[in-house]
Amino acid sequence: EEPVPIMLLGEGWELSTALATEKKATSRNS
């Protein structure tokens, strides 16, 4: 919705957090 392109980037590592693997914002789910 912004008037300019917004850059989004992050560390998509697989971490042992209590969230199902298929729900994590990891590179394998890119």
Full PDB file with SEQRES, HELIX, SHEET, SSBOND, CRYST1, ORIGX, SCALE, CONECT and MASTER records, all heavy atoms in Angstrom:
SEQRES   1 A   30  GLU GLU PRO VAL PRO ILE MET LEU LEU GLY GLU GLY TRP          
SEQRES   2 A   30  GLU LEU SER THR ALA LEU ALA THR GLU LYS LYS ALA THR          
SEQRES   3 A   30  SER ARG ASN SER                                              
HELIX    1 AA1 THR A   21  LYS A   23  5                                   3    
HELIX    2 AA2 SER A   27  ASN A   29  5                                   3    
CRYST1    1.000    1.000    1.000  90.00  90.00  90.00 P 1           1          
ORIGX1      1.000000  0.000000  0.000000        0.00000                         
ORIGX2      0.000000  1.000000  0.000000        0.00000                         
ORIGX3      0.000000  0.000000  1.000000        0.00000                         
SCALE1      1.000000  0.000000  0.000000        0.00000                         
SCALE2      0.000000  1.000000  0.000000        0.00000                         
SCALE3      0.000000  0.000000  1.000000        0.00000                         
ATOM      1  N   GLU A   1       0.812  -1.212   0.000  1.00  0.00           N  
ATOM      2  CA  GLU A   1       0.000   0.000   0.000  1.00  0.00           C  
ATOM      3  C   GLU A   1       0.849   1.267   0.000  1.00  0.00           C  
ATOM      4  O   GLU A   1       0.328   2.371  -0.171  1.00  0.00           O  
ATOM      5  CB  GLU A   1      -0.930   0.000   1.221  1.00  0.00           C  
ATOM      6  CG  GLU A   1      -1.910  -1.172   1.247  1.00  0.00           C  
ATOM      7  CD  GLU A   1      -2.724  -1.222   2.527  1.00  0.00           C  
ATOM      8  OE1 GLU A   1      -2.585  -0.289   3.351  1.00  0.00           O  
ATOM      9  OE2 GLU A   1      -3.489  -2.189   2.708  1.00  0.00           O  
ATOM     10  N   GLU A   2       2.155   1.124   0.186  1.00  0.00           N  
ATOM     11  CA  GLU A   2       3.037   2.286   0.229  1.00  0.00           C  
ATOM     12  C   GLU A   2       3.272   2.848  -1.177  1.00  0.00           C  
ATOM     13  O   GLU A   2       3.208   2.108  -2.164  1.00  0.00           O  
ATOM     14  CB  GLU A   2       4.372   1.909   0.862  1.00  0.00           C  
ATOM     15  CG  GLU A   2       4.323   1.755   2.363  1.00  0.00           C  
ATOM     16  CD  GLU A   2       3.960   3.054   3.064  1.00  0.00           C  
ATOM     17  OE1 GLU A   2       4.756   4.005   3.038  1.00  0.00           O  
ATOM     18  OE2 GLU A   2       2.853   3.103   3.637  1.00  0.00           O  
ATOM     19  N   PRO A   3       3.581   4.141  -1.282  1.00  0.00           N  
ATOM     20  CA  PRO A   3       3.803   4.753  -2.597  1.00  0.00           C  
ATOM     21  C   PRO A   3       5.142   4.397  -3.220  1.00  0.00           C  
ATOM     22  O   PRO A   3       5.387   4.748  -4.380  1.00  0.00           O  
ATOM     23  CB  PRO A   3       3.719   6.263  -2.296  1.00  0.00           C  
ATOM     24  CG  PRO A   3       4.119   6.380  -0.859  1.00  0.00           C  
ATOM     25  CD  PRO A   3       3.590   5.145  -0.195  1.00  0.00           C  
ATOM     26  N   VAL A   4       6.028   3.734  -2.469  1.00  0.00           N  
ATOM     27  CA  VAL A   4       7.314   3.295  -3.010  1.00  0.00           C  
ATOM     28  C   VAL A   4       7.479   1.810  -2.712  1.00  0.00           C  
ATOM     29  O   VAL A   4       6.861   1.281  -1.781  1.00  0.00           O  
ATOM     30  CB  VAL A   4       8.492   4.090  -2.385  1.00  0.00           C  
ATOM     31  CG1 VAL A   4       8.317   5.580  -2.625  1.00  0.00           C  
ATOM     32  CG2 VAL A   4       8.631   3.796  -0.901  1.00  0.00           C  
ATOM     33  N   PRO A   5       8.297   1.095  -3.487  1.00  0.00           N  
ATOM     34  CA  PRO A   5       8.525  -0.330  -3.205  1.00  0.00           C  
ATOM     35  C   PRO A   5       9.229  -0.504  -1.857  1.00  0.00           C  
ATOM     36  O   PRO A   5      10.209   0.188  -1.568  1.00  0.00           O  
ATOM     37  CB  PRO A   5       9.419  -0.790  -4.358  1.00  0.00           C  
ATOM     38  CG  PRO A   5       9.267   0.247  -5.419  1.00  0.00           C  
ATOM     39  CD  PRO A   5       8.996   1.530  -4.706  1.00  0.00           C  
ATOM     40  N   ILE A   6       8.740  -1.416  -1.047  1.00  0.00           N  
ATOM     41  CA  ILE A   6       9.287  -1.652   0.283  1.00  0.00           C  
ATOM     42  C   ILE A   6      10.078  -2.960   0.275  1.00  0.00           C  
ATOM     43  O   ILE A   6       9.563  -4.011  -0.111  1.00  0.00           O  
ATOM     44  CB  ILE A   6       8.168  -1.710   1.342  1.00  0.00           C  
ATOM     45  CG1 ILE A   6       7.387  -0.396   1.365  1.00  0.00           C  
ATOM     46  CG2 ILE A   6       8.745  -2.023   2.718  1.00  0.00           C  
ATOM     47  CD1 ILE A   6       8.216   0.838   1.685  1.00  0.00           C  
ATOM     48  N   MET A   7      11.322  -2.880   0.716  1.00  0.00           N  
ATOM     49  CA  MET A   7      12.199  -4.046   0.762  1.00  0.00           C  
ATOM     50  C   MET A   7      11.936  -4.850   2.033  1.00  0.00           C  
ATOM     51  O   MET A   7      12.008  -4.313   3.139  1.00  0.00           O  
ATOM     52  CB  MET A   7      13.660  -3.601   0.724  1.00  0.00           C  
ATOM     53  CG  MET A   7      14.679  -4.716   0.926  1.00  0.00           C  
ATOM     54  SD  MET A   7      14.749  -5.875  -0.457  1.00  0.00           S  
ATOM     55  CE  MET A   7      15.655  -4.892  -1.661  1.00  0.00           C  
ATOM     56  N   LEU A   8      11.639  -6.135   1.872  1.00  0.00           N  
ATOM     57  CA  LEU A   8      11.459  -7.042   2.997  1.00  0.00           C  
ATOM     58  C   LEU A   8      12.480  -8.166   2.868  1.00  0.00           C  
ATOM     59  O   LEU A   8      12.548  -8.833   1.839  1.00  0.00           O  
ATOM     60  CB  LEU A   8      10.045  -7.631   3.016  1.00  0.00           C  
ATOM     61  CG  LEU A   8       8.886  -6.634   3.118  1.00  0.00           C  
ATOM     62  CD1 LEU A   8       7.549  -7.369   3.016  1.00  0.00           C  
ATOM     63  CD2 LEU A   8       8.956  -5.833   4.408  1.00  0.00           C  
ATOM     64  N   LEU A   9      13.276  -8.365   3.901  1.00  0.00           N  
ATOM     65  CA  LEU A   9      14.260  -9.435   3.890  1.00  0.00           C  
ATOM     66  C   LEU A   9      14.469  -9.922   5.316  1.00  0.00           C  
ATOM     67  O   LEU A   9      14.145  -9.212   6.275  1.00  0.00           O  
ATOM     68  CB  LEU A   9      15.586  -8.964   3.292  1.00  0.00           C  
ATOM     69  CG  LEU A   9      16.420  -7.941   4.073  1.00  0.00           C  
ATOM     70  CD1 LEU A   9      17.880  -8.000   3.642  1.00  0.00           C  
ATOM     71  CD2 LEU A   9      15.888  -6.522   3.875  1.00  0.00           C  
ATOM     72  N   GLY A  10      14.983 -11.140   5.441  1.00  0.00           N  
ATOM     73  CA  GLY A  10      15.191 -11.642   6.789  1.00  0.00           C  
ATOM     74  C   GLY A  10      15.980 -12.919   6.832  1.00  0.00           C  
ATOM     75  O   GLY A  10      16.331 -13.509   5.801  1.00  0.00           O  
ATOM     76  N   GLU A  11      16.253 -13.323   8.060  1.00  0.00           N  
ATOM     77  CA  GLU A  11      16.977 -14.554   8.321  1.00  0.00           C  
ATOM     78  C   GLU A  11      15.983 -15.716   8.344  1.00  0.00           C  
ATOM     79  O   GLU A  11      15.296 -15.915   9.337  1.00  0.00           O  
ATOM     80  CB  GLU A  11      17.707 -14.454   9.660  1.00  0.00           C  
ATOM     81  CG  GLU A  11      18.778 -13.378   9.691  1.00  0.00           C  
ATOM     82  CD  GLU A  11      19.415 -13.240  11.060  1.00  0.00           C  
ATOM     83  OE1 GLU A  11      18.669 -13.070  12.045  1.00  0.00           O  
ATOM     84  OE2 GLU A  11      20.657 -13.324  11.150  1.00  0.00           O  
ATOM     85  N   GLY A  12      15.936 -16.445   7.268  1.00  0.00           N  
ATOM     86  CA  GLY A  12      14.957 -17.523   7.146  1.00  0.00           C  
ATOM     87  C   GLY A  12      15.477 -18.842   7.672  1.00  0.00           C  
ATOM     88  O   GLY A  12      15.264 -19.884   7.045  1.00  0.00           O  
ATOM     89  N   TRP A  13      16.163 -18.802   8.809  1.00  0.00           N  
ATOM     90  CA  TRP A  13      16.721 -20.045   9.356  1.00  0.00           C  
ATOM     91  C   TRP A  13      15.619 -20.906   9.976  1.00  0.00           C  
ATOM     92  O   TRP A  13      14.616 -20.410  10.486  1.00  0.00           O  
ATOM     93  CB  TRP A  13      17.772 -19.757  10.429  1.00  0.00           C  
ATOM     94  CG  TRP A  13      18.680 -18.575  10.260  1.00  0.00           C  
ATOM     95  CD1 TRP A  13      19.040 -17.687  11.229  1.00  0.00           C  
ATOM     96  CD2 TRP A  13      19.378 -18.144   9.079  1.00  0.00           C  
ATOM     97  NE1 TRP A  13      19.902 -16.744  10.731  1.00  0.00           N  
ATOM     98  CE2 TRP A  13      20.128 -16.993   9.415  1.00  0.00           C  
ATOM     99  CE3 TRP A  13      19.434 -18.628   7.768  1.00  0.00           C  
ATOM    100  CZ2 TRP A  13      20.923 -16.319   8.490  1.00  0.00           C  
ATOM    101  CZ3 TRP A  13      20.220 -17.948   6.851  1.00  0.00           C  
ATOM    102  CH2 TRP A  13      20.952 -16.826   7.203  1.00  0.00           C  
ATOM    103  N   GLU A  14      15.846 -22.196   9.986  1.00  0.00           N  
ATOM    104  CA  GLU A  14      14.964 -23.140  10.677  1.00  0.00           C  
ATOM    105  C   GLU A  14      15.363 -23.146  12.151  1.00  0.00           C  
ATOM    106  O   GLU A  14      16.453 -23.574  12.511  1.00  0.00           O  
ATOM    107  CB  GLU A  14      15.108 -24.545  10.081  1.00  0.00           C  
ATOM    108  CG  GLU A  14      14.295 -25.614  10.774  1.00  0.00           C  
ATOM    109  CD  GLU A  14      12.796 -25.471  10.568  1.00  0.00           C  
ATOM    110  OE1 GLU A  14      12.379 -25.161   9.441  1.00  0.00           O  
ATOM    111  OE2 GLU A  14      12.046 -25.680  11.545  1.00  0.00           O  
ATOM    112  N   LEU A  15      14.479 -22.647  13.018  1.00  0.00           N  
ATOM    113  CA  LEU A  15      14.762 -22.552  14.450  1.00  0.00           C  
ATOM    114  C   LEU A  15      13.845 -23.490  15.229  1.00  0.00           C  
ATOM    115  O   LEU A  15      12.715 -23.759  14.813  1.00  0.00           O  
ATOM    116  CB  LEU A  15      14.558 -21.112  14.930  1.00  0.00           C  
ATOM    117  CG  LEU A  15      15.420 -20.056  14.227  1.00  0.00           C  
ATOM    118  CD1 LEU A  15      14.945 -18.656  14.585  1.00  0.00           C  
ATOM    119  CD2 LEU A  15      16.882 -20.226  14.605  1.00  0.00           C  
ATOM    120  N   SER A  16      14.325 -23.935  16.366  1.00  0.00           N  
ATOM    121  CA  SER A  16      13.555 -24.917  17.154  1.00  0.00           C  
ATOM    122  C   SER A  16      12.540 -24.231  18.053  1.00  0.00           C  
ATOM    123  O   SER A  16      12.484 -24.437  19.264  1.00  0.00           O  
ATOM    124  CB  SER A  16      14.509 -25.771  18.000  1.00  0.00           C  
ATOM    125  OG  SER A  16      15.277 -24.942  18.868  1.00  0.00           O  
ATOM    126  N   THR A  17      11.731 -23.368  17.438  1.00  0.00           N  
ATOM    127  CA  THR A  17      10.653 -22.718  18.167  1.00  0.00           C  
ATOM    128  C   THR A  17       9.402 -23.585  18.105  1.00  0.00           C  
ATOM    129  O   THR A  17       9.272 -24.450  17.222  1.00  0.00           O  
ATOM    130  CB  THR A  17      10.372 -21.319  17.589  1.00  0.00           C  
ATOM    131  OG1 THR A  17       9.399 -20.651  18.399  1.00  0.00           O  
ATOM    132  CG2 THR A  17       9.862 -21.412  16.158  1.00  0.00           C  
ATOM    133  N   ALA A  18       8.482 -23.378  19.050  1.00  0.00           N  
ATOM    134  CA  ALA A  18       7.277 -24.211  19.154  1.00  0.00           C  
ATOM    135  C   ALA A  18       6.239 -23.791  18.111  1.00  0.00           C  
ATOM    136  O   ALA A  18       5.135 -23.345  18.427  1.00  0.00           O  
ATOM    137  CB  ALA A  18       6.697 -24.120  20.560  1.00  0.00           C  
ATOM    138  N   LEU A  19       6.609 -23.944  16.863  1.00  0.00           N  
ATOM    139  CA  LEU A  19       5.743 -23.637  15.732  1.00  0.00           C  
ATOM    140  C   LEU A  19       6.023 -24.687  14.674  1.00  0.00           C  
ATOM    141  O   LEU A  19       7.177 -25.032  14.431  1.00  0.00           O  
ATOM    142  CB  LEU A  19       6.050 -22.228  15.203  1.00  0.00           C  
ATOM    143  CG  LEU A  19       5.155 -21.665  14.104  1.00  0.00           C  
ATOM    144  CD1 LEU A  19       3.756 -21.397  14.642  1.00  0.00           C  
ATOM    145  CD2 LEU A  19       5.752 -20.373  13.540  1.00  0.00           C  
ATOM    146  N   ALA A  20       4.969 -25.187  14.061  1.00  0.00           N  
ATOM    147  CA  ALA A  20       5.139 -26.238  13.058  1.00  0.00           C  
ATOM    148  C   ALA A  20       6.024 -25.756  11.913  1.00  0.00           C  
ATOM    149  O   ALA A  20       5.942 -24.595  11.488  1.00  0.00           O  
ATOM    150  CB  ALA A  20       3.781 -26.673  12.523  1.00  0.00           C  
ATOM    151  N   THR A  21       6.872 -26.640  11.409  1.00  0.00           N  
ATOM    152  CA  THR A  21       7.819 -26.290  10.356  1.00  0.00           C  
ATOM    153  C   THR A  21       7.134 -25.654   9.154  1.00  0.00           C  
ATOM    154  O   THR A  21       7.645 -24.683   8.579  1.00  0.00           O  
ATOM    155  CB  THR A  21       8.601 -27.543   9.914  1.00  0.00           C  
ATOM    156  OG1 THR A  21       9.405 -27.997  11.011  1.00  0.00           O  
ATOM    157  CG2 THR A  21       9.491 -27.258   8.724  1.00  0.00           C  
ATOM    158  N   GLU A  22       5.974 -26.173   8.779  1.00  0.00           N  
ATOM    159  CA  GLU A  22       5.294 -25.663   7.591  1.00  0.00           C  
ATOM    160  C   GLU A  22       4.716 -24.261   7.794  1.00  0.00           C  
ATOM    161  O   GLU A  22       4.269 -23.623   6.845  1.00  0.00           O  
ATOM    162  CB  GLU A  22       4.191 -26.618   7.152  1.00  0.00           C  
ATOM    163  CG  GLU A  22       3.024 -26.769   8.124  1.00  0.00           C  
ATOM    164  CD  GLU A  22       3.255 -27.849   9.177  1.00  0.00           C  
ATOM    165  OE1 GLU A  22       4.406 -28.307   9.322  1.00  0.00           O  
ATOM    166  OE2 GLU A  22       2.271 -28.222   9.854  1.00  0.00           O  
ATOM    167  N   LYS A  23       4.730 -23.769   9.042  1.00  0.00           N  
ATOM    168  CA  LYS A  23       4.200 -22.432   9.323  1.00  0.00           C  
ATOM    169  C   LYS A  23       5.295 -21.382   9.505  1.00  0.00           C  
ATOM    170  O   LYS A  23       5.000 -20.202   9.691  1.00  0.00           O  
ATOM    171  CB  LYS A  23       3.322 -22.469  10.579  1.00  0.00           C  
ATOM    172  CG  LYS A  23       2.055 -23.300  10.427  1.00  0.00           C  
ATOM    173  CD  LYS A  23       1.200 -23.247  11.676  1.00  0.00           C  
ATOM    174  CE  LYS A  23      -0.083 -24.054  11.501  1.00  0.00           C  
ATOM    175  NZ  LYS A  23      -0.934 -23.995  12.709  1.00  0.00           N  
ATOM    176  N   LYS A  24       6.545 -21.780   9.442  1.00  0.00           N  
ATOM    177  CA  LYS A  24       7.647 -20.866   9.704  1.00  0.00           C  
ATOM    178  C   LYS A  24       8.071 -20.122   8.437  1.00  0.00           C  
ATOM    179  O   LYS A  24       8.096 -20.706   7.349  1.00  0.00           O  
ATOM    180  CB  LYS A  24       8.849 -21.629  10.265  1.00  0.00           C  
ATOM    181  CG  LYS A  24       8.604 -22.306  11.603  1.00  0.00           C  
ATOM    182  CD  LYS A  24       9.814 -23.140  12.011  1.00  0.00           C  
ATOM    183  CE  LYS A  24       9.568 -23.895  13.304  1.00  0.00           C  
ATOM    184  NZ  LYS A  24      10.705 -24.775  13.649  1.00  0.00           N  
ATOM    185  N   ALA A  25       8.449 -18.872   8.607  1.00  0.00           N  
ATOM    186  CA  ALA A  25       8.895 -18.052   7.477  1.00  0.00           C  
ATOM    187  C   ALA A  25      10.365 -18.344   7.177  1.00  0.00           C  
ATOM    188  O   ALA A  25      11.244 -17.504   7.351  1.00  0.00           O  
ATOM    189  CB  ALA A  25       8.693 -16.575   7.786  1.00  0.00           C  
ATOM    190  N   THR A  26      10.614 -19.552   6.709  1.00  0.00           N  
ATOM    191  CA  THR A  26      11.971 -20.001   6.407  1.00  0.00           C  
ATOM    192  C   THR A  26      12.199 -20.015   4.899  1.00  0.00           C  
ATOM    193  O   THR A  26      11.252 -19.951   4.107  1.00  0.00           O  
ATOM    194  CB  THR A  26      12.206 -21.414   6.964  1.00  0.00           C  
ATOM    195  OG1 THR A  26      11.230 -22.298   6.389  1.00  0.00           O  
ATOM    196  CG2 THR A  26      12.065 -21.437   8.478  1.00  0.00           C  
ATOM    197  N   SER A  27      13.455 -20.141   4.513  1.00  0.00           N  
ATOM    198  CA  SER A  27      13.779 -20.163   3.091  1.00  0.00           C  
ATOM    199  C   SER A  27      13.145 -21.366   2.402  1.00  0.00           C  
ATOM    200  O   SER A  27      12.788 -21.288   1.219  1.00  0.00           O  
ATOM    201  CB  SER A  27      15.292 -20.166   2.889  1.00  0.00           C  
ATOM    202  OG  SER A  27      15.896 -21.254   3.563  1.00  0.00           O  
ATOM    203  N   ARG A  28      12.986 -22.474   3.127  1.00  0.00           N  
ATOM    204  CA  ARG A  28      12.364 -23.647   2.495  1.00  0.00           C  
ATOM    205  C   ARG A  28      10.895 -23.391   2.163  1.00  0.00           C  
ATOM    206  O   ARG A  28      10.314 -24.067   1.320  1.00  0.00           O  
ATOM    207  CB  ARG A  28      12.496 -24.879   3.393  1.00  0.00           C  
ATOM    208  CG  ARG A  28      11.574 -24.903   4.593  1.00  0.00           C  
ATOM    209  CD  ARG A  28      11.507 -26.268   5.246  1.00  0.00           C  
ATOM    210  NE  ARG A  28      12.788 -26.690   5.783  1.00  0.00           N  
ATOM    211  CZ  ARG A  28      12.987 -27.865   6.376  1.00  0.00           C  
ATOM    212  NH1 ARG A  28      11.996 -28.718   6.497  1.00  0.00           N  
ATOM    213  NH2 ARG A  28      14.169 -28.175   6.865  1.00  0.00           N  
ATOM    214  N   ASN A  29      10.293 -22.408   2.814  1.00  0.00           N  
ATOM    215  CA  ASN A  29       8.901 -22.038   2.536  1.00  0.00           C  
ATOM    216  C   ASN A  29       8.811 -20.750   1.723  1.00  0.00           C  
ATOM    217  O   ASN A  29       7.779 -20.079   1.720  1.00  0.00           O  
ATOM    218  CB  ASN A  29       8.133 -21.879   3.854  1.00  0.00           C  
ATOM    219  CG  ASN A  29       7.992 -23.189   4.605  1.00  0.00           C  
ATOM    220  OD1 ASN A  29       7.865 -24.247   3.995  1.00  0.00           O  
ATOM    221  ND2 ASN A  29       8.017 -23.129   5.924  1.00  0.00           N  
ATOM    222  N   SER A  30       9.874 -20.407   1.017  1.00  0.00           N  
ATOM    223  CA  SER A  30       9.931 -19.134   0.297  1.00  0.00           C  
ATOM    224  C   SER A  30       8.853 -19.001  -0.772  1.00  0.00           C  
ATOM    225  O   SER A  30       8.449 -17.883  -1.109  1.00  0.00           O  
ATOM    226  CB  SER A  30      11.309 -18.940  -0.331  1.00  0.00           C  
ATOM    227  OG  SER A  30      11.590 -19.967  -1.271  1.00  0.00           O  
TER     228      SER A  30                                                      
MASTER        0    0    0    2    0    0    0    6  227    1    0    3          
END                                                                             
